Amino acid sequence: MNVTGAGQVIGIVIDTPPALTDLTKFWTTAGVNQSTSNISFVQVVQGKNAPPSGEESLDVEWSSGIASGAKVRVYVTTISRI
């Protein structure tokens, strides 16, 4: 069975967007047939994003790598005020 996630949308909520260069480097290294056109970013809370930590890239890299036929929508919030 070839399950790719085609027709599905994966939603990720995080406080900063990943760098597209991180994603493409991961896909190339891992041999994943994926494209930045399948990734979209939605800034849901206006304000200052957190500095990149790597977690934002890992979340998108692995979900888009496992389900390479799915679209990934990254909902970006801001730095937590807790």
PDB file of N, CA and C in Angstrom:
ATOM      1  N   MET A   1       0.846  -1.173   0.000  1.00  0.00           N
ATOM      2  CA  MET A   1       0.000   0.000   0.000  1.00  0.00           C
ATOM      3  C   MET A   1       0.889   1.234   0.000  1.00  0.00           C
ATOM      4  N   ASN A   2       0.566   2.197  -0.843  1.00  0.00           N
ATOM      5  CA  ASN A   2       1.337   3.432  -0.955  1.00  0.00           C
ATOM      6  C   ASN A   2       0.520   4.583  -0.377  1.00  0.00           C
ATOM      7  N   VAL A   3       0.719   4.872   0.903  1.00  0.00           N
ATOM      8  CA  VAL A   3      -0.002   5.941   1.575  1.00  0.00           C
ATOM      9  C   VAL A   3       0.922   7.149   1.657  1.00  0.00           C
ATOM     10  N   THR A   4       0.486   8.280   1.051  1.00  0.00           N
ATOM     11  CA  THR A   4       1.344   9.471   0.984  1.00  0.00           C
ATOM     12  C   THR A   4       0.772  10.690   1.693  1.00  0.00           C
ATOM     13  N   GLY A   5      -0.503  10.611   2.102  1.00  0.00           N
ATOM     14  CA  GLY A   5      -1.144  11.783   2.676  1.00  0.00           C
ATOM     15  C   GLY A   5      -1.768  12.680   1.623  1.00  0.00           C
ATOM     16  N   ALA A   6      -1.789  12.240   0.384  1.00  0.00           N
ATOM     17  CA  ALA A   6      -2.362  13.051  -0.691  1.00  0.00           C
ATOM     18  C   ALA A   6      -3.788  13.446  -0.354  1.00  0.00           C
ATOM     19  N   GLY A   7      -4.101  14.719  -0.574  1.00  0.00           N
ATOM     20  CA  GLY A   7      -5.430  15.233  -0.300  1.00  0.00           C
ATOM     21  C   GLY A   7      -5.629  15.685   1.136  1.00  0.00           C
ATOM     22  N   GLN A   8      -4.621  15.529   1.969  1.00  0.00           N
ATOM     23  CA  GLN A   8      -4.714  15.915   3.375  1.00  0.00           C
ATOM     24  C   GLN A   8      -3.937  17.206   3.631  1.00  0.00           C
ATOM     25  N   VAL A   9      -4.279  17.881   4.728  1.00  0.00           N
ATOM     26  CA  VAL A   9      -3.550  19.072   5.165  1.00  0.00           C
ATOM     27  C   VAL A   9      -3.099  18.834   6.602  1.00  0.00           C
ATOM     28  N   ILE A  10      -1.815  19.014   6.841  1.00  0.00           N
ATOM     29  CA  ILE A  10      -1.237  18.898   8.180  1.00  0.00           C
ATOM     30  C   ILE A  10      -1.104  20.301   8.741  1.00  0.00           C
ATOM     31  N   GLY A  11      -1.633  20.540   9.921  1.00  0.00           N
ATOM     32  CA  GLY A  11      -1.517  21.841  10.566  1.00  0.00           C
ATOM     33  C   GLY A  11      -0.496  21.788  11.688  1.00  0.00           C
ATOM     34  N   ILE A  12       0.409  22.750  11.707  1.00  0.00           N
ATOM     35  CA  ILE A  12       1.425  22.852  12.753  1.00  0.00           C
ATOM     36  C   ILE A  12       1.330  24.241  13.353  1.00  0.00           C
ATOM     37  N   VAL A  13       1.230  24.317  14.677  1.00  0.00           N
ATOM     38  CA  VAL A  13       1.212  25.599  15.376  1.00  0.00           C
ATOM     39  C   VAL A  13       2.549  25.751  16.082  1.00  0.00           C
ATOM     40  N   ILE A  14       3.232  26.856  15.804  1.00  0.00           N
ATOM     41  CA  ILE A  14       4.550  27.091  16.403  1.00  0.00           C
ATOM     42  C   ILE A  14       4.808  28.592  16.454  1.00  0.00           C
ATOM     43  N   ASP A  15       5.808  29.002  17.207  1.00  0.00           N
ATOM     44  CA  ASP A  15       6.022  30.437  17.446  1.00  0.00           C
ATOM     45  C   ASP A  15       6.985  31.119  16.490  1.00  0.00           C
ATOM     46  N   THR A  16       7.482  30.400  15.502  1.00  0.00           N
ATOM     47  CA  THR A  16       8.323  31.008  14.467  1.00  0.00           C
ATOM     48  C   THR A  16       8.336  30.089  13.242  1.00  0.00           C
ATOM     49  N   PRO A  17       8.413  30.641  12.048  1.00  0.00           N
ATOM     50  CA  PRO A  17       8.419  29.788  10.858  1.00  0.00           C
ATOM     51  C   PRO A  17       9.810  29.197  10.601  1.00  0.00           C
ATOM     52  N   PRO A  18       9.863  28.036   9.965  1.00  0.00           N
ATOM     53  CA  PRO A  18      11.157  27.472   9.599  1.00  0.00           C
ATOM     54  C   PRO A  18      11.728  28.179   8.377  1.00  0.00           C
ATOM     55  N   ALA A  19      13.029  28.120   8.241  1.00  0.00           N
ATOM     56  CA  ALA A  19      13.682  28.642   7.034  1.00  0.00           C
ATOM     57  C   ALA A  19      13.461  27.644   5.896  1.00  0.00           C
ATOM     58  N   LEU A  20      13.056  28.139   4.743  1.00  0.00           N
ATOM     59  CA  LEU A  20      12.825  27.257   3.594  1.00  0.00           C
ATOM     60  C   LEU A  20      14.090  26.505   3.205  1.00  0.00           C
ATOM     61  N   THR A  21      15.247  27.131   3.414  1.00  0.00           N
ATOM     62  CA  THR A  21      16.509  26.450   3.088  1.00  0.00           C
ATOM     63  C   THR A  21      16.729  25.232   3.989  1.00  0.00           C
ATOM     64  N   ASP A  22      16.281  25.301   5.246  1.00  0.00           N
ATOM     65  CA  ASP A  22      16.373  24.132   6.135  1.00  0.00           C
ATOM     66  C   ASP A  22      15.534  22.984   5.575  1.00  0.00           C
ATOM     67  N   LEU A  23      14.332  23.318   5.134  1.00  0.00           N
ATOM     68  CA  LEU A  23      13.422  22.293   4.620  1.00  0.00           C
ATOM     69  C   LEU A  23      13.982  21.630   3.370  1.00  0.00           C
ATOM     70  N   THR A  24      14.418  22.444   2.408  1.00  0.00           N
ATOM     71  CA  THR A  24      14.916  21.865   1.158  1.00  0.00           C
ATOM     72  C   THR A  24      16.191  21.052   1.375  1.00  0.00           C
ATOM     73  N   LYS A  25      17.021  21.489   2.301  1.00  0.00           N
ATOM     74  CA  LYS A  25      18.241  20.717   2.602  1.00  0.00           C
ATOM     75  C   LYS A  25      17.873  19.353   3.187  1.00  0.00           C
ATOM     76  N   PHE A  26      16.915  19.343   4.105  1.00  0.00           N
ATOM     77  CA  PHE A  26      16.461  18.080   4.704  1.00  0.00           C
ATOM     78  C   PHE A  26      15.897  17.158   3.631  1.00  0.00           C
ATOM     79  N   TRP A  27      14.980  17.678   2.795  1.00  0.00           N
ATOM     80  CA  TRP A  27      14.357  16.837   1.775  1.00  0.00           C
ATOM     81  C   TRP A  27      15.391  16.262   0.813  1.00  0.00           C
ATOM     82  N   THR A  28      16.358  17.069   0.432  1.00  0.00           N
ATOM     83  CA  THR A  28      17.402  16.594  -0.480  1.00  0.00           C
ATOM     84  C   THR A  28      18.237  15.509   0.185  1.00  0.00           C
ATOM     85  N   THR A  29      18.662  15.757   1.412  1.00  0.00           N
ATOM     86  CA  THR A  29      19.500  14.800   2.143  1.00  0.00           C
ATOM     87  C   THR A  29      18.767  13.483   2.389  1.00  0.00           C
ATOM     88  N   ALA A  30      17.472  13.582   2.731  1.00  0.00           N
ATOM     89  CA  ALA A  30      16.683  12.391   3.052  1.00  0.00           C
ATOM     90  C   ALA A  30      16.057  11.735   1.820  1.00  0.00           C
ATOM     91  N   GLY A  31      16.215  12.348   0.656  1.00  0.00           N
ATOM     92  CA  GLY A  31      15.649  11.792  -0.568  1.00  0.00           C
ATOM     93  C   GLY A  31      14.131  11.866  -0.598  1.00  0.00           C
ATOM     94  N   VAL A  32      13.581  12.918  -0.012  1.00  0.00           N
ATOM     95  CA  VAL A  32      12.128  13.107   0.035  1.00  0.00           C
ATOM     96  C   VAL A  32      11.679  13.926  -1.172  1.00  0.00           C
ATOM     97  N   ASN A  33      10.666  13.425  -1.868  1.00  0.00           N
ATOM     98  CA  ASN A  33      10.099  14.144  -3.004  1.00  0.00           C
ATOM     99  C   ASN A  33       9.073  15.138  -2.466  1.00  0.00           C
ATOM    100  N   GLN A  34       9.513  16.338  -2.154  1.00  0.00           N
ATOM    101  CA  GLN A  34       8.672  17.363  -1.540  1.00  0.00           C
ATOM    102  C   GLN A  34       9.020  18.706  -2.147  1.00  0.00           C
ATOM    103  N   SER A  35       8.138  19.668  -2.006  1.00  0.00           N
ATOM    104  CA  SER A  35       8.340  20.978  -2.602  1.00  0.00           C
ATOM    105  C   SER A  35       7.852  22.060  -1.650  1.00  0.00           C
ATOM    106  N   THR A  36       8.512  23.211  -1.694  1.00  0.00           N
ATOM    107  CA  THR A  36       8.078  24.327  -0.857  1.00  0.00           C
ATOM    108  C   THR A  36       6.687  24.815  -1.260  1.00  0.00           C
ATOM    109  N   SER A  37       6.227  24.477  -2.452  1.00  0.00           N
ATOM    110  CA  SER A  37       4.880  24.879  -2.860  1.00  0.00           C
ATOM    111  C   SER A  37       3.800  24.156  -2.053  1.00  0.00           C
ATOM    112  N   ASN A  38       4.155  23.076  -1.373  1.00  0.00           N
ATOM    113  CA  ASN A  38       3.221  22.354  -0.512  1.00  0.00           C
ATOM    114  C   ASN A  38       3.193  22.908   0.912  1.00  0.00           C
ATOM    115  N   ILE A  39       4.028  23.889   1.198  1.00  0.00           N
ATOM    116  CA  ILE A  39       4.131  24.449   2.541  1.00  0.00           C
ATOM    117  C   ILE A  39       3.591  25.872   2.517  1.00  0.00           C
ATOM    118  N   SER A  40       2.715  26.197   3.451  1.00  0.00           N
ATOM    119  CA  SER A  40       2.225  27.575   3.540  1.00  0.00           C
ATOM    120  C   SER A  40       2.314  28.049   4.983  1.00  0.00           C
ATOM    121  N   PHE A  41       2.441  29.358   5.132  1.00  0.00           N
ATOM    122  CA  PHE A  41       2.605  29.972   6.441  1.00  0.00           C
ATOM    123  C   PHE A  41       1.480  30.963   6.686  1.00  0.00           C
ATOM    124  N   VAL A  42       0.906  30.895   7.881  1.00  0.00           N
ATOM    125  CA  VAL A  42      -0.159  31.807   8.269  1.00  0.00           C
ATOM    126  C   VAL A  42       0.261  32.451   9.590  1.00  0.00           C
ATOM    127  N   GLN A  43       0.476  33.757   9.574  1.00  0.00           N
ATOM    128  CA  GLN A  43       0.829  34.486  10.797  1.00  0.00           C
ATOM    129  C   GLN A  43      -0.487  34.781  11.514  1.00  0.00           C
ATOM    130  N   VAL A  44      -0.822  34.011  12.558  1.00  0.00           N
ATOM    131  CA  VAL A  44      -2.125  34.140  13.202  1.00  0.00           C
ATOM    132  C   VAL A  44      -2.156  35.181  14.314  1.00  0.00           C
ATOM    133  N   VAL A  45      -1.009  35.468  14.902  1.00  0.00           N
ATOM    134  CA  VAL A  45      -0.919  36.483  15.943  1.00  0.00           C
ATOM    135  C   VAL A  45       0.183  37.450  15.533  1.00  0.00           C
ATOM    136  N   GLN A  46      -0.168  38.718  15.412  1.00  0.00           N
ATOM    137  CA  GLN A  46       0.834  39.709  15.033  1.00  0.00           C
ATOM    138  C   GLN A  46       1.752  39.996  16.218  1.00  0.00           C
ATOM    139  N   GLY A  47       2.994  40.215  15.936  1.00  0.00           N
ATOM    140  CA  GLY A  47       3.974  40.495  16.974  1.00  0.00           C
ATOM    141  C   GLY A  47       5.310  39.890  16.615  1.00  0.00           C
ATOM    142  N   LYS A  48       6.187  39.819  17.589  1.00  0.00           N
ATOM    143  CA  LYS A  48       7.535  39.322  17.368  1.00  0.00           C
ATOM    144  C   LYS A  48       7.568  37.797  17.468  1.00  0.00           C
ATOM    145  N   ASN A  49       8.095  37.179  16.412  1.00  0.00           N
ATOM    146  CA  ASN A  49       8.270  35.728  16.433  1.00  0.00           C
ATOM    147  C   ASN A  49       9.475  35.371  17.280  1.00  0.00           C
ATOM    148  N   ALA A  50       9.449  34.173  17.820  1.00  0.00           N
ATOM    149  CA  ALA A  50      10.582  33.667  18.588  1.00  0.00           C
ATOM    150  C   ALA A  50      11.773  33.479  17.651  1.00  0.00           C
ATOM    151  N   PRO A  51      12.989  33.507  18.189  1.00  0.00           N
ATOM    152  CA  PRO A  51      14.138  33.195  17.343  1.00  0.00           C
ATOM    153  C   PRO A  51      14.110  31.714  16.969  1.00  0.00           C
ATOM    154  N   PRO A  52      14.614  31.356  15.800  1.00  0.00           N
ATOM    155  CA  PRO A  52      14.633  29.946  15.398  1.00  0.00           C
ATOM    156  C   PRO A  52      15.406  29.092  16.392  1.00  0.00           C
ATOM    157  N   SER A  53      14.864  27.910  16.674  1.00  0.00           N
ATOM    158  CA  SER A  53      15.529  26.979  17.584  1.00  0.00           C
ATOM    159  C   SER A  53      15.856  25.655  16.903  1.00  0.00           C
ATOM    160  N   GLY A  54      15.263  25.441  15.747  1.00  0.00           N
ATOM    161  CA  GLY A  54      15.418  24.170  15.047  1.00  0.00           C
ATOM    162  C   GLY A  54      14.167  23.315  15.145  1.00  0.00           C
ATOM    163  N   GLU A  55      13.414  23.472  16.232  1.00  0.00           N
ATOM    164  CA  GLU A  55      12.178  22.705  16.410  1.00  0.00           C
ATOM    165  C   GLU A  55      11.182  23.002  15.294  1.00  0.00           C
ATOM    166  N   GLU A  56      11.107  24.264  14.895  1.00  0.00           N
ATOM    167  CA  GLU A  56      10.166  24.648  13.833  1.00  0.00           C
ATOM    168  C   GLU A  56      10.497  23.940  12.527  1.00  0.00           C
ATOM    169  N   SER A  57      11.771  23.770  12.251  1.00  0.00           N
ATOM    170  CA  SER A  57      12.178  23.064  11.027  1.00  0.00           C
ATOM    171  C   SER A  57      11.892  21.572  11.142  1.00  0.00           C
ATOM    172  N   LEU A  58      12.237  20.988  12.285  1.00  0.00           N
ATOM    173  CA  LEU A  58      12.016  19.550  12.479  1.00  0.00           C
ATOM    174  C   LEU A  58      10.547  19.172  12.318  1.00  0.00           C
ATOM    175  N   ASP A  59       9.658  19.960  12.885  1.00  0.00           N
ATOM    176  CA  ASP A  59       8.222  19.656  12.792  1.00  0.00           C
ATOM    177  C   ASP A  59       7.762  19.594  11.346  1.00  0.00           C
ATOM    178  N   VAL A  60       8.164  20.568  10.560  1.00  0.00           N
ATOM    179  CA  VAL A  60       7.738  20.618   9.160  1.00  0.00           C
ATOM    180  C   VAL A  60       8.490  19.570   8.331  1.00  0.00           C
ATOM    181  N   GLU A  61       9.777  19.402   8.572  1.00  0.00           N
ATOM    182  CA  GLU A  61      10.579  18.435   7.809  1.00  0.00           C
ATOM    183  C   GLU A  61      10.023  17.020   7.946  1.00  0.00           C
ATOM    184  N   TRP A  62       9.809  16.581   9.165  1.00  0.00           N
ATOM    185  CA  TRP A  62       9.380  15.204   9.377  1.00  0.00           C
ATOM    186  C   TRP A  62       7.946  14.969   8.946  1.00  0.00           C
ATOM    187  N   SER A  63       7.049  15.900   9.241  1.00  0.00           N
ATOM    188  CA  SER A  63       5.660  15.680   8.823  1.00  0.00           C
ATOM    189  C   SER A  63       5.546  15.686   7.302  1.00  0.00           C
ATOM    190  N   SER A  64       6.262  16.596   6.641  1.00  0.00           N
ATOM    191  CA  SER A  64       6.209  16.650   5.180  1.00  0.00           C
ATOM    192  C   SER A  64       6.999  15.508   4.540  1.00  0.00           C
ATOM    193  N   GLY A  65       7.942  14.952   5.270  1.00  0.00           N
ATOM    194  CA  GLY A  65       8.696  13.811   4.762  1.00  0.00           C
ATOM    195  C   GLY A  65       7.924  12.506   4.879  1.00  0.00           C
ATOM    196  N   ILE A  66       7.212  12.336   5.987  1.00  0.00           N
ATOM    197  CA  ILE A  66       6.433  11.115   6.200  1.00  0.00           C
ATOM    198  C   ILE A  66       5.203  11.099   5.305  1.00  0.00           C
ATOM    199  N   ALA A  67       4.544  12.242   5.177  1.00  0.00           N
ATOM    200  CA  ALA A  67       3.344  12.359   4.345  1.00  0.00           C
ATOM    201  C   ALA A  67       3.651  13.313   3.188  1.00  0.00           C
ATOM    202  N   SER A  68       4.468  12.857   2.271  1.00  0.00           N
ATOM    203  CA  SER A  68       4.976  13.743   1.209  1.00  0.00           C
ATOM    204  C   SER A  68       3.904  14.225   0.240  1.00  0.00           C
ATOM    205  N   GLY A  69       2.745  13.596   0.233  1.00  0.00           N
ATOM    206  CA  GLY A  69       1.671  14.036  -0.641  1.00  0.00           C
ATOM    207  C   GLY A  69       0.743  15.049   0.006  1.00  0.00           C
ATOM    208  N   ALA A  70       0.923  15.286   1.292  1.00  0.00           N
ATOM    209  CA  ALA A  70       0.056  16.212   2.022  1.00  0.00           C
ATOM    210  C   ALA A  70       0.560  17.647   1.896  1.00  0.00           C
ATOM    211  N   LYS A  71      -0.345  18.584   2.072  1.00  0.00           N
ATOM    212  CA  LYS A  71       0.021  19.991   2.204  1.00  0.00           C
ATOM    213  C   LYS A  71       0.321  20.227   3.686  1.00  0.00           C
ATOM    214  N   VAL A  72       1.226  21.140   3.981  1.00  0.00           N
ATOM    215  CA  VAL A  72       1.529  21.491   5.370  1.00  0.00           C
ATOM    216  C   VAL A  72       1.251  22.977   5.544  1.00  0.00           C
ATOM    217  N   ARG A  73       0.426  23.284   6.524  1.00  0.00           N
ATOM    218  CA  ARG A  73       0.108  24.675   6.829  1.00  0.00           C
ATOM    219  C   ARG A  73       0.683  24.981   8.214  1.00  0.00           C
ATOM    220  N   VAL A  74       1.595  25.951   8.268  1.00  0.00           N
ATOM    221  CA  VAL A  74       2.256  26.330   9.516  1.00  0.00           C
ATOM    222  C   VAL A  74       1.586  27.593  10.045  1.00  0.00           C
ATOM    223  N   TYR A  75       0.965  27.462  11.210  1.00  0.00           N
ATOM    224  CA  TYR A  75       0.311  28.592  11.870  1.00  0.00           C
ATOM    225  C   TYR A  75       1.309  29.177  12.859  1.00  0.00           C
ATOM    226  N   VAL A  76       1.730  30.413  12.598  1.00  0.00           N
ATOM    227  CA  VAL A  76       2.785  31.040  13.393  1.00  0.00           C
ATOM    228  C   VAL A  76       2.157  31.990  14.403  1.00  0.00           C
ATOM    229  N   THR A  77       2.481  31.774  15.670  1.00  0.00           N
ATOM    230  CA  THR A  77       2.000  32.652  16.739  1.00  0.00           C
ATOM    231  C   THR A  77       3.116  33.624  17.071  1.00  0.00           C
ATOM    232  N   THR A  78       3.252  34.010  18.294  1.00  0.00           N
ATOM    233  CA  THR A  78       4.342  34.890  18.721  1.00  0.00           C
ATOM    234  C   THR A  78       4.960  34.337  19.986  1.00  0.00           C
ATOM    235  N   ILE A  79       5.956  35.022  20.492  1.00  0.00           N
ATOM    236  CA  ILE A  79       6.617  34.608  21.728  1.00  0.00           C
ATOM    237  C   ILE A  79       5.591  34.592  22.847  1.00  0.00           C
ATOM    238  N   SER A  80       5.586  33.508  23.595  1.00  0.00           N
ATOM    239  CA  SER A  80       4.665  33.362  24.717  1.00  0.00           C
ATOM    240  C   SER A  80       4.938  34.416  25.800  1.00  0.00           C
ATOM    241  N   ARG A  81       3.889  34.914  26.380  1.00  0.00           N
ATOM    242  CA  ARG A  81       4.020  35.906  27.447  1.00  0.00           C
ATOM    243  C   ARG A  81       3.742  35.290  28.812  1.00  0.00           C
ATOM    244  N   ILE A  82       3.905  34.008  28.967  1.00  0.00           N
ATOM    245  CA  ILE A  82       3.653  33.327  30.237  1.00  0.00           C
ATOM    246  C   ILE A  82       4.737  33.624  31.231  1.00  0.00           C
TER     247      ILE A  82
END
